[in-house]
Amino acid sequence: MRGRNQKASMVVAALAATLGVSACQSNAPTEDQMSRTTLETAPAELQLMCANAAAAQSGTESSKVLPVSSRKVDSNNYVVDLNANGKPMSCNVDATGTTVSVNPA
């Protein structure tokens, strides 16, 4: 009888350990499913160009204008969101660096 209880205890312990390990595993998304790999951001030089254009338009020192996000909107255009000394601004720019518009957001 003692042997059966010991075997039963070992089986229960093994099952508990297996469940514990499987509960710790996660199904992380593959690289192609991660959001940062599916969103194309504006190149750094375009973000900087937008920051300078926003500084000039708002009369804010250029060091106080920071790009906070950017995204590609079509095959040739980007939108860069900026913080101009606490004021949100938005810049539309094409891939060649021509500023289409800078507006308060």
PDB file of N, CA and C in Angstrom:
ATOM      1  N   MET A   1       0.824  -1.180   0.000  1.00  0.00           N
ATOM      2  CA  MET A   1       0.000   0.000   0.000  1.00  0.00           C
ATOM      3  C   MET A   1       0.871   1.248   0.000  1.00  0.00           C
ATOM      4  N   ARG A   2       1.939   1.154   0.795  1.00  0.00           N
ATOM      5  CA  ARG A   2       2.827   2.298   0.880  1.00  0.00           C
ATOM      6  C   ARG A   2       3.465   2.596  -0.479  1.00  0.00           C
ATOM      7  N   GLY A   3       3.772   1.579  -1.236  1.00  0.00           N
ATOM      8  CA  GLY A   3       4.356   1.734  -2.563  1.00  0.00           C
ATOM      9  C   GLY A   3       3.410   2.439  -3.521  1.00  0.00           C
ATOM     10  N   ARG A   4       2.126   2.122  -3.433  1.00  0.00           N
ATOM     11  CA  ARG A   4       1.142   2.771  -4.301  1.00  0.00           C
ATOM     12  C   ARG A   4       1.026   4.252  -3.975  1.00  0.00           C
ATOM     13  N   ASN A   5       0.986   4.595  -2.696  1.00  0.00           N
ATOM     14  CA  ASN A   5       0.883   5.997  -2.290  1.00  0.00           C
ATOM     15  C   ASN A   5       2.106   6.783  -2.749  1.00  0.00           C
ATOM     16  N   GLN A   6       3.248   6.142  -2.654  1.00  0.00           N
ATOM     17  CA  GLN A   6       4.481   6.802  -3.064  1.00  0.00           C
ATOM     18  C   GLN A   6       4.475   7.035  -4.583  1.00  0.00           C
ATOM     19  N   LYS A   7       4.029   6.043  -5.344  1.00  0.00           N
ATOM     20  CA  LYS A   7       3.958   6.196  -6.797  1.00  0.00           C
ATOM     21  C   LYS A   7       2.929   7.259  -7.175  1.00  0.00           C
ATOM     22  N   ALA A   8       1.784   7.236  -6.486  1.00  0.00           N
ATOM     23  CA  ALA A   8       0.745   8.228  -6.766  1.00  0.00           C
ATOM     24  C   ALA A   8       1.256   9.634  -6.465  1.00  0.00           C
ATOM     25  N   SER A   9       1.984   9.781  -5.383  1.00  0.00           N
ATOM     26  CA  SER A   9       2.552  11.085  -5.030  1.00  0.00           C
ATOM     27  C   SER A   9       3.543  11.553  -6.084  1.00  0.00           C
ATOM     28  N   MET A  10       4.342  10.630  -6.595  1.00  0.00           N
ATOM     29  CA  MET A  10       5.324  10.983  -7.619  1.00  0.00           C
ATOM     30  C   MET A  10       4.632  11.401  -8.916  1.00  0.00           C
ATOM     31  N   VAL A  11       3.543  10.708  -9.271  1.00  0.00           N
ATOM     32  CA  VAL A  11       2.798  11.053 -10.481  1.00  0.00           C
ATOM     33  C   VAL A  11       2.174  12.437 -10.333  1.00  0.00           C
ATOM     34  N   VAL A  12       1.582  12.708  -9.178  1.00  0.00           N
ATOM     35  CA  VAL A  12       0.971  14.015  -8.928  1.00  0.00           C
ATOM     36  C   VAL A  12       2.038  15.111  -8.986  1.00  0.00           C
ATOM     37  N   ALA A  13       3.192  14.868  -8.386  1.00  0.00           N
ATOM     38  CA  ALA A  13       4.277  15.853  -8.402  1.00  0.00           C
ATOM     39  C   ALA A  13       4.767  16.099  -9.828  1.00  0.00           C
ATOM     40  N   ALA A  14       4.881  15.043 -10.623  1.00  0.00           N
ATOM     41  CA  ALA A  14       5.330  15.190 -12.008  1.00  0.00           C
ATOM     42  C   ALA A  14       4.321  15.984 -12.831  1.00  0.00           C
ATOM     43  N   LEU A  15       3.034  15.705 -12.635  1.00  0.00           N
ATOM     44  CA  LEU A  15       1.997  16.454 -13.348  1.00  0.00           C
ATOM     45  C   LEU A  15       1.999  17.923 -12.948  1.00  0.00           C
ATOM     46  N   ALA A  16       2.159  18.190 -11.668  1.00  0.00           N
ATOM     47  CA  ALA A  16       2.196  19.573 -11.187  1.00  0.00           C
ATOM     48  C   ALA A  16       3.385  20.318 -11.784  1.00  0.00           C
ATOM     49  N   ALA A  17       4.528  19.665 -11.845  1.00  0.00           N
ATOM     50  CA  ALA A  17       5.718  20.294 -12.423  1.00  0.00           C
ATOM     51  C   ALA A  17       5.514  20.573 -13.910  1.00  0.00           C
ATOM     52  N   THR A  18       4.908  19.631 -14.620  1.00  0.00           N
ATOM     53  CA  THR A  18       4.653  19.810 -16.050  1.00  0.00           C
ATOM     54  C   THR A  18       3.699  20.968 -16.287  1.00  0.00           C
ATOM     55  N   LEU A  19       2.641  21.051 -15.509  1.00  0.00           N
ATOM     56  CA  LEU A  19       1.690  22.150 -15.642  1.00  0.00           C
ATOM     57  C   LEU A  19       2.348  23.478 -15.303  1.00  0.00           C
ATOM     58  N   GLY A  20       3.181  23.489 -14.284  1.00  0.00           N
ATOM     59  CA  GLY A  20       3.865  24.718 -13.891  1.00  0.00           C
ATOM     60  C   GLY A  20       4.771  25.242 -14.983  1.00  0.00           C
ATOM     61  N   VAL A  21       5.506  24.365 -15.625  1.00  0.00           N
ATOM     62  CA  VAL A  21       6.410  24.776 -16.701  1.00  0.00           C
ATOM     63  C   VAL A  21       5.622  25.245 -17.912  1.00  0.00           C
ATOM     64  N   SER A  22       4.562  24.541 -18.264  1.00  0.00           N
ATOM     65  CA  SER A  22       3.798  24.923 -19.451  1.00  0.00           C
ATOM     66  C   SER A  22       3.064  26.239 -19.240  1.00  0.00           C
ATOM     67  N   ALA A  23       2.718  26.574 -18.015  1.00  0.00           N
ATOM     68  CA  ALA A  23       2.041  27.839 -17.738  1.00  0.00           C
ATOM     69  C   ALA A  23       2.988  29.017 -17.910  1.00  0.00           C
ATOM     70  N   CYS A  24       4.284  28.801 -17.794  1.00  0.00           N
ATOM     71  CA  CYS A  24       5.272  29.873 -17.919  1.00  0.00           C
ATOM     72  C   CYS A  24       5.628  30.175 -19.367  1.00  0.00           C
ATOM     73  N   GLN A  25       5.294  29.297 -20.273  1.00  0.00           N
ATOM     74  CA  GLN A  25       5.644  29.505 -21.670  1.00  0.00           C
ATOM     75  C   GLN A  25       4.623  30.422 -22.321  1.00  0.00           C
ATOM     76  N   SER A  26       5.102  31.310 -23.195  1.00  0.00           N
ATOM     77  CA  SER A  26       4.189  32.195 -23.910  1.00  0.00           C
ATOM     78  C   SER A  26       4.395  32.021 -25.402  1.00  0.00           C
ATOM     79  N   ASN A  27       3.386  32.353 -26.129  1.00  0.00           N
ATOM     80  CA  ASN A  27       3.473  32.296 -27.578  1.00  0.00           C
ATOM     81  C   ASN A  27       3.791  33.695 -28.084  1.00  0.00           C
ATOM     82  N   ALA A  28       5.055  34.067 -28.079  1.00  0.00           N
ATOM     83  CA  ALA A  28       5.475  35.382 -28.551  1.00  0.00           C
ATOM     84  C   ALA A  28       5.231  35.478 -30.049  1.00  0.00           C
ATOM     85  N   PRO A  29       4.837  36.670 -30.516  1.00  0.00           N
ATOM     86  CA  PRO A  29       4.618  36.809 -31.954  1.00  0.00           C
ATOM     87  C   PRO A  29       5.930  36.671 -32.717  1.00  0.00           C
ATOM     88  N   THR A  30       5.830  36.192 -33.924  1.00  0.00           N
ATOM     89  CA  THR A  30       7.024  36.113 -34.759  1.00  0.00           C
ATOM     90  C   THR A  30       7.407  37.527 -35.179  1.00  0.00           C
ATOM     91  N   GLU A  31       8.626  37.682 -35.648  1.00  0.00           N
ATOM     92  CA  GLU A  31       9.128  39.019 -35.977  1.00  0.00           C
ATOM     93  C   GLU A  31       8.246  39.739 -36.993  1.00  0.00           C
ATOM     94  N   ASP A  32       7.705  39.022 -37.968  1.00  0.00           N
ATOM     95  CA  ASP A  32       6.862  39.667 -38.975  1.00  0.00           C
ATOM     96  C   ASP A  32       5.494  40.068 -38.437  1.00  0.00           C
ATOM     97  N   GLN A  33       5.138  39.621 -37.228  1.00  0.00           N
ATOM     98  CA  GLN A  33       3.866  39.989 -36.621  1.00  0.00           C
ATOM     99  C   GLN A  33       4.014  41.132 -35.624  1.00  0.00           C
ATOM    100  N   MET A  34       5.223  41.555 -35.336  1.00  0.00           N
ATOM    101  CA  MET A  34       5.436  42.633 -34.373  1.00  0.00           C
ATOM    102  C   MET A  34       5.138  43.971 -35.037  1.00  0.00           C
ATOM    103  N   SER A  35       4.548  44.879 -34.280  1.00  0.00           N
ATOM    104  CA  SER A  35       4.098  46.141 -34.861  1.00  0.00           C
ATOM    105  C   SER A  35       5.242  46.984 -35.394  1.00  0.00           C
ATOM    106  N   ARG A  36       6.393  46.985 -34.751  1.00  0.00           N
ATOM    107  CA  ARG A  36       7.490  47.836 -35.214  1.00  0.00           C
ATOM    108  C   ARG A  36       8.068  47.352 -36.538  1.00  0.00           C
ATOM    109  N   THR A  37       7.827  46.130 -36.911  1.00  0.00           N
ATOM    110  CA  THR A  37       8.340  45.657 -38.195  1.00  0.00           C
ATOM    111  C   THR A  37       7.332  45.880 -39.309  1.00  0.00           C
ATOM    112  N   THR A  38       6.093  46.223 -38.984  1.00  0.00           N
ATOM    113  CA  THR A  38       5.092  46.431 -40.021  1.00  0.00           C
ATOM    114  C   THR A  38       4.845  47.907 -40.291  1.00  0.00           C
ATOM    115  N   LEU A  39       5.388  48.797 -39.489  1.00  0.00           N
ATOM    116  CA  LEU A  39       5.190  50.225 -39.671  1.00  0.00           C
ATOM    117  C   LEU A  39       6.501  50.847 -40.109  1.00  0.00           C
ATOM    118  N   GLU A  40       6.470  51.534 -41.237  1.00  0.00           N
ATOM    119  CA  GLU A  40       7.687  52.181 -41.726  1.00  0.00           C
ATOM    120  C   GLU A  40       7.696  53.626 -41.246  1.00  0.00           C
ATOM    121  N   THR A  41       8.768  54.016 -40.583  1.00  0.00           N
ATOM    122  CA  THR A  41       8.893  55.379 -40.078  1.00  0.00           C
ATOM    123  C   THR A  41       9.675  56.234 -41.070  1.00  0.00           C
ATOM    124  N   ALA A  42       9.559  57.550 -40.899  1.00  0.00           N
ATOM    125  CA  ALA A  42      10.297  58.479 -41.756  1.00  0.00           C
ATOM    126  C   ALA A  42      11.782  58.400 -41.434  1.00  0.00           C
ATOM    127  N   PRO A  43      12.630  58.504 -42.448  1.00  0.00           N
ATOM    128  CA  PRO A  43      14.071  58.534 -42.191  1.00  0.00           C
ATOM    129  C   PRO A  43      14.436  59.708 -41.277  1.00  0.00           C
ATOM    130  N   ALA A  44      15.510  59.551 -40.523  1.00  0.00           N
ATOM    131  CA  ALA A  44      15.919  60.559 -39.540  1.00  0.00           C
ATOM    132  C   ALA A  44      16.112  61.933 -40.169  1.00  0.00           C
ATOM    133  N   GLU A  45      16.692  61.990 -41.368  1.00  0.00           N
ATOM    134  CA  GLU A  45      16.930  63.308 -41.981  1.00  0.00           C
ATOM    135  C   GLU A  45      15.628  64.018 -42.328  1.00  0.00           C
ATOM    136  N   LEU A  46      14.578  63.266 -42.668  1.00  0.00           N
ATOM    137  CA  LEU A  46      13.279  63.887 -42.931  1.00  0.00           C
ATOM    138  C   LEU A  46      12.633  64.357 -41.635  1.00  0.00           C
ATOM    139  N   GLN A  47      12.797  63.591 -40.559  1.00  0.00           N
ATOM    140  CA  GLN A  47      12.265  64.014 -39.265  1.00  0.00           C
ATOM    141  C   GLN A  47      12.947  65.301 -38.805  1.00  0.00           C
ATOM    142  N   LEU A  48      14.265  65.385 -38.986  1.00  0.00           N
ATOM    143  CA  LEU A  48      15.013  66.581 -38.606  1.00  0.00           C
ATOM    144  C   LEU A  48      14.605  67.775 -39.465  1.00  0.00           C
ATOM    145  N   MET A  49      14.410  67.543 -40.756  1.00  0.00           N
ATOM    146  CA  MET A  49      13.970  68.616 -41.635  1.00  0.00           C
ATOM    147  C   MET A  49      12.605  69.152 -41.206  1.00  0.00           C
ATOM    148  N   CYS A  50      11.700  68.256 -40.830  1.00  0.00           N
ATOM    149  CA  CYS A  50      10.381  68.671 -40.348  1.00  0.00           C
ATOM    150  C   CYS A  50      10.495  69.457 -39.044  1.00  0.00           C
ATOM    151  N   ALA A  51      11.371  69.015 -38.156  1.00  0.00           N
ATOM    152  CA  ALA A  51      11.560  69.727 -36.887  1.00  0.00           C
ATOM    153  C   ALA A  51      12.053  71.145 -37.143  1.00  0.00           C
ATOM    154  N   ASN A  52      12.982  71.307 -38.069  1.00  0.00           N
ATOM    155  CA  ASN A  52      13.485  72.646 -38.397  1.00  0.00           C
ATOM    156  C   ASN A  52      12.404  73.510 -39.036  1.00  0.00           C
ATOM    157  N   ALA A  53      11.589  72.927 -39.912  1.00  0.00           N
ATOM    158  CA  ALA A  53      10.499  73.673 -40.544  1.00  0.00           C
ATOM    159  C   ALA A  53       9.456  74.085 -39.509  1.00  0.00           C
ATOM    160  N   ALA A  54       9.156  73.205 -38.566  1.00  0.00           N
ATOM    161  CA  ALA A  54       8.186  73.530 -37.514  1.00  0.00           C
ATOM    162  C   ALA A  54       8.731  74.619 -36.593  1.00  0.00           C
ATOM    163  N   ALA A  55      10.031  74.575 -36.301  1.00  0.00           N
ATOM    164  CA  ALA A  55      10.648  75.605 -35.459  1.00  0.00           C
ATOM    165  C   ALA A  55      10.544  76.966 -36.133  1.00  0.00           C
ATOM    166  N   ALA A  56      10.838  77.021 -37.416  1.00  0.00           N
ATOM    167  CA  ALA A  56      10.764  78.283 -38.148  1.00  0.00           C
ATOM    168  C   ALA A  56       9.335  78.812 -38.193  1.00  0.00           C
ATOM    169  N   GLN A  57       8.380  77.933 -38.447  1.00  0.00           N
ATOM    170  CA  GLN A  57       6.985  78.362 -38.553  1.00  0.00           C
ATOM    171  C   GLN A  57       6.421  78.820 -37.213  1.00  0.00           C
ATOM    172  N   SER A  58       6.801  78.142 -36.130  1.00  0.00           N
ATOM    173  CA  SER A  58       6.233  78.469 -34.816  1.00  0.00           C
ATOM    174  C   SER A  58       7.038  79.519 -34.060  1.00  0.00           C
ATOM    175  N   GLY A  59       8.208  79.883 -34.584  1.00  0.00           N
ATOM    176  CA  GLY A  59       9.049  80.847 -33.883  1.00  0.00           C
ATOM    177  C   GLY A  59       9.686  80.258 -32.639  1.00  0.00           C
ATOM    178  N   THR A  60       9.841  78.947 -32.621  1.00  0.00           N
ATOM    179  CA  THR A  60      10.415  78.234 -31.483  1.00  0.00           C
ATOM    180  C   THR A  60      11.861  77.878 -31.797  1.00  0.00           C
ATOM    181  N   GLU A  61      12.713  77.936 -30.789  1.00  0.00           N
ATOM    182  CA  GLU A  61      14.103  77.520 -30.964  1.00  0.00           C
ATOM    183  C   GLU A  61      14.134  76.067 -31.442  1.00  0.00           C
ATOM    184  N   SER A  62      14.970  75.778 -32.426  1.00  0.00           N
ATOM    185  CA  SER A  62      14.972  74.440 -33.035  1.00  0.00           C
ATOM    186  C   SER A  62      15.302  73.332 -32.041  1.00  0.00           C
ATOM    187  N   SER A  63      16.077  73.640 -31.001  1.00  0.00           N
ATOM    188  CA  SER A  63      16.398  72.612 -30.001  1.00  0.00           C
ATOM    189  C   SER A  63      15.192  72.248 -29.139  1.00  0.00           C
ATOM    190  N   LYS A  64      14.122  73.032 -29.230  1.00  0.00           N
ATOM    191  CA  LYS A  64      12.908  72.771 -28.446  1.00  0.00           C
ATOM    192  C   LYS A  64      11.838  72.055 -29.260  1.00  0.00           C
ATOM    193  N   VAL A  65      12.162  71.658 -30.485  1.00  0.00           N
ATOM    194  CA  VAL A  65      11.211  70.938 -31.340  1.00  0.00           C
ATOM    195  C   VAL A  65      11.729  69.519 -31.536  1.00  0.00           C
ATOM    196  N   LEU A  66      10.929  68.553 -31.105  1.00  0.00           N
ATOM    197  CA  LEU A  66      11.346  67.152 -31.165  1.00  0.00           C
ATOM    198  C   LEU A  66      10.332  66.302 -31.927  1.00  0.00           C
ATOM    199  N   PRO A  67      10.796  65.457 -32.837  1.00  0.00           N
ATOM    200  CA  PRO A  67       9.898  64.483 -33.459  1.00  0.00           C
ATOM    201  C   PRO A  67       9.491  63.440 -32.411  1.00  0.00           C
ATOM    202  N   VAL A  68       8.206  63.146 -32.325  1.00  0.00           N
ATOM    203  CA  VAL A  68       7.744  62.145 -31.355  1.00  0.00           C
ATOM    204  C   VAL A  68       7.280  60.855 -32.032  1.00  0.00           C
ATOM    205  N   SER A  69       6.880  60.941 -33.294  1.00  0.00           N
ATOM    206  CA  SER A  69       6.525  59.734 -34.044  1.00  0.00           C
ATOM    207  C   SER A  69       6.476  60.085 -35.528  1.00  0.00           C
ATOM    208  N   SER A  70       6.510  59.058 -36.350  1.00  0.00           N
ATOM    209  CA  SER A  70       6.383  59.270 -37.793  1.00  0.00           C
ATOM    210  C   SER A  70       5.862  57.991 -38.424  1.00  0.00           C
ATOM    211  N   ARG A  71       5.301  58.141 -39.609  1.00  0.00           N
ATOM    212  CA  ARG A  71       4.769  56.977 -40.315  1.00  0.00           C
ATOM    213  C   ARG A  71       4.713  57.273 -41.816  1.00  0.00           C
ATOM    214  N   LYS A  72       4.828  56.237 -42.587  1.00  0.00           N
ATOM    215  CA  LYS A  72       4.698  56.351 -44.038  1.00  0.00           C
ATOM    216  C   LYS A  72       3.217  56.269 -44.369  1.00  0.00           C
ATOM    217  N   VAL A  73       2.714  57.235 -45.137  1.00  0.00           N
ATOM    218  CA  VAL A  73       1.284  57.237 -45.454  1.00  0.00           C
ATOM    219  C   VAL A  73       0.985  56.680 -46.841  1.00  0.00           C
ATOM    220  N   ASP A  74       1.950  56.760 -47.739  1.00  0.00           N
ATOM    221  CA  ASP A  74       1.822  56.123 -49.045  1.00  0.00           C
ATOM    222  C   ASP A  74       3.225  55.903 -49.595  1.00  0.00           C
ATOM    223  N   SER A  75       3.335  55.559 -50.850  1.00  0.00           N
ATOM    224  CA  SER A  75       4.646  55.186 -51.392  1.00  0.00           C
ATOM    225  C   SER A  75       5.658  56.326 -51.401  1.00  0.00           C
ATOM    226  N   ASN A  76       5.198  57.575 -51.267  1.00  0.00           N
ATOM    227  CA  ASN A  76       6.123  58.698 -51.384  1.00  0.00           C
ATOM    228  C   ASN A  76       6.016  59.724 -50.256  1.00  0.00           C
ATOM    229  N   ASN A  77       5.103  59.559 -49.302  1.00  0.00           N
ATOM    230  CA  ASN A  77       4.870  60.596 -48.294  1.00  0.00           C
ATOM    231  C   ASN A  77       4.899  60.054 -46.873  1.00  0.00           C
ATOM    232  N   TYR A  78       5.347  60.929 -45.971  1.00  0.00           N
ATOM    233  CA  TYR A  78       5.425  60.618 -44.547  1.00  0.00           C
ATOM    234  C   TYR A  78       4.714  61.705 -43.753  1.00  0.00           C
ATOM    235  N   VAL A  79       4.253  61.341 -42.566  1.00  0.00           N
ATOM    236  CA  VAL A  79       3.759  62.300 -41.584  1.00  0.00           C
ATOM    237  C   VAL A  79       4.669  62.188 -40.375  1.00  0.00           C
ATOM    238  N   VAL A  80       5.155  63.343 -39.903  1.00  0.00           N
ATOM    239  CA  VAL A  80       6.003  63.390 -38.718  1.00  0.00           C
ATOM    240  C   VAL A  80       5.262  64.200 -37.665  1.00  0.00           C
ATOM    241  N   ASP A  81       5.005  63.600 -36.508  1.00  0.00           N
ATOM    242  CA  ASP A  81       4.380  64.296 -35.387  1.00  0.00           C
ATOM    243  C   ASP A  81       5.487  64.890 -34.535  1.00  0.00           C
ATOM    244  N   LEU A  82       5.294  66.149 -34.143  1.00  0.00           N
ATOM    245  CA  LEU A  82       6.332  66.889 -33.437  1.00  0.00           C
ATOM    246  C   LEU A  82       5.797  67.494 -32.152  1.00  0.00           C
ATOM    247  N   ASN A  83       6.699  67.751 -31.225  1.00  0.00           N
ATOM    248  CA  ASN A  83       6.398  68.512 -30.018  1.00  0.00           C
ATOM    249  C   ASN A  83       7.244  69.774 -30.107  1.00  0.00           C
ATOM    250  N   ALA A  84       6.589  70.916 -30.334  1.00  0.00           N
ATOM    251  CA  ALA A  84       7.287  72.193 -30.461  1.00  0.00           C
ATOM    252  C   ALA A  84       7.123  72.967 -29.161  1.00  0.00           C
ATOM    253  N   ASN A  85       8.051  72.757 -28.239  1.00  0.00           N
ATOM    254  CA  ASN A  85       8.026  73.430 -26.939  1.00  0.00           C
ATOM    255  C   ASN A  85       6.678  73.235 -26.239  1.00  0.00           C
ATOM    256  N   GLY A  86       6.174  72.004 -26.289  1.00  0.00           N
ATOM    257  CA  GLY A  86       4.921  71.663 -25.621  1.00  0.00           C
ATOM    258  C   GLY A  86       3.699  71.723 -26.512  1.00  0.00           C
ATOM    259  N   LYS A  87       3.828  72.255 -27.720  1.00  0.00           N
ATOM    260  CA  LYS A  87       2.696  72.338 -28.645  1.00  0.00           C
ATOM    261  C   LYS A  87       2.809  71.233 -29.693  1.00  0.00           C
ATOM    262  N   PRO A  88       1.777  70.419 -29.857  1.00  0.00           N
ATOM    263  CA  PRO A  88       1.836  69.368 -30.885  1.00  0.00           C
ATOM    264  C   PRO A  88       1.717  69.965 -32.286  1.00  0.00           C
ATOM    265  N   MET A  89       2.564  69.494 -33.177  1.00  0.00           N
ATOM    266  CA  MET A  89       2.532  69.919 -34.578  1.00  0.00           C
ATOM    267  C   MET A  89       2.658  68.681 -35.455  1.00  0.00           C
ATOM    268  N   SER A  90       2.272  68.832 -36.707  1.00  0.00           N
ATOM    269  CA  SER A  90       2.340  67.732 -37.656  1.00  0.00           C
ATOM    270  C   SER A  90       2.966  68.241 -38.953  1.00  0.00           C
ATOM    271  N   CYS A  91       3.831  67.435 -39.525  1.00  0.00           N
ATOM    272  CA  CYS A  91       4.523  67.796 -40.763  1.00  0.00           C
ATOM    273  C   CYS A  91       4.281  66.704 -41.795  1.00  0.00           C
ATOM    274  N   ASN A  92       3.852  67.105 -42.972  1.00  0.00           N
ATOM    275  CA  ASN A  92       3.736  66.187 -44.105  1.00  0.00           C
ATOM    276  C   ASN A  92       4.929  66.444 -45.005  1.00  0.00           C
ATOM    277  N   VAL A  93       5.653  65.395 -45.337  1.00  0.00           N
ATOM    278  CA  VAL A  93       6.867  65.539 -46.136  1.00  0.00           C
ATOM    279  C   VAL A  93       6.946  64.393 -47.134  1.00  0.00           C
ATOM    280  N   ASP A  94       7.504  64.683 -48.314  1.00  0.00           N
ATOM    281  CA  ASP A  94       7.669  63.589 -49.270  1.00  0.00           C
ATOM    282  C   ASP A  94       9.061  62.990 -49.139  1.00  0.00           C
ATOM    283  N   ALA A  95       9.284  61.901 -49.801  1.00  0.00           N
ATOM    284  CA  ALA A  95      10.527  61.139 -49.655  1.00  0.00           C
ATOM    285  C   ALA A  95      11.757  61.901 -50.133  1.00  0.00           C
ATOM    286  N   THR A  96      11.562  62.939 -50.951  1.00  0.00           N
ATOM    287  CA  THR A  96      12.697  63.725 -51.435  1.00  0.00           C
ATOM    288  C   THR A  96      13.080  64.838 -50.473  1.00  0.00           C
ATOM    289  N   GLY A  97      12.268  65.058 -49.434  1.00  0.00           N
ATOM    290  CA  GLY A  97      12.566  66.106 -48.461  1.00  0.00           C
ATOM    291  C   GLY A  97      11.835  67.398 -48.701  1.00  0.00           C
ATOM    292  N   THR A  98      10.869  67.397 -49.592  1.00  0.00           N
ATOM    293  CA  THR A  98      10.067  68.586 -49.825  1.00  0.00           C
ATOM    294  C   THR A  98       8.964  68.626 -48.773  1.00  0.00           C
ATOM    295  N   THR A  99       8.958  69.692 -47.960  1.00  0.00           N
ATOM    296  CA  THR A  99       7.922  69.821 -46.948  1.00  0.00           C
ATOM    297  C   THR A  99       6.621  70.192 -47.635  1.00  0.00           C
ATOM    298  N   VAL A 100       5.628  69.366 -47.460  1.00  0.00           N
ATOM    299  CA  VAL A 100       4.324  69.651 -48.035  1.00  0.00           C
ATOM    300  C   VAL A 100       3.581  70.630 -47.141  1.00  0.00           C
ATOM    301  N   SER A 101       3.576  70.379 -45.817  1.00  0.00           N
ATOM    302  CA  SER A 101       2.912  71.293 -44.889  1.00  0.00           C
ATOM    303  C   SER A 101       3.354  71.034 -43.458  1.00  0.00           C
ATOM    304  N   VAL A 102       3.303  72.101 -42.652  1.00  0.00           N
ATOM    305  CA  VAL A 102       3.534  72.011 -41.211  1.00  0.00           C
ATOM    306  C   VAL A 102       2.348  72.699 -40.562  1.00  0.00           C
ATOM    307  N   ASN A 103       1.635  71.981 -39.696  1.00  0.00           N
ATOM    308  CA  ASN A 103       0.419  72.508 -39.079  1.00  0.00           C
ATOM    309  C   ASN A 103       0.357  72.145 -37.608  1.00  0.00           C
ATOM    310  N   PRO A 104      -0.380  72.956 -36.821  1.00  0.00           N
ATOM    311  CA  PRO A 104      -0.652  72.517 -35.444  1.00  0.00           C
ATOM    312  C   PRO A 104      -1.454  71.221 -35.494  1.00  0.00           C
ATOM    313  N   ALA A 105      -1.153  70.312 -34.601  1.00  0.00           N
ATOM    314  CA  ALA A 105      -1.863  69.020 -34.594  1.00  0.00           C
ATOM    315  C   ALA A 105      -3.166  69.124 -33.831  1.00  0.00           C
TER     316      ALA A 105
END
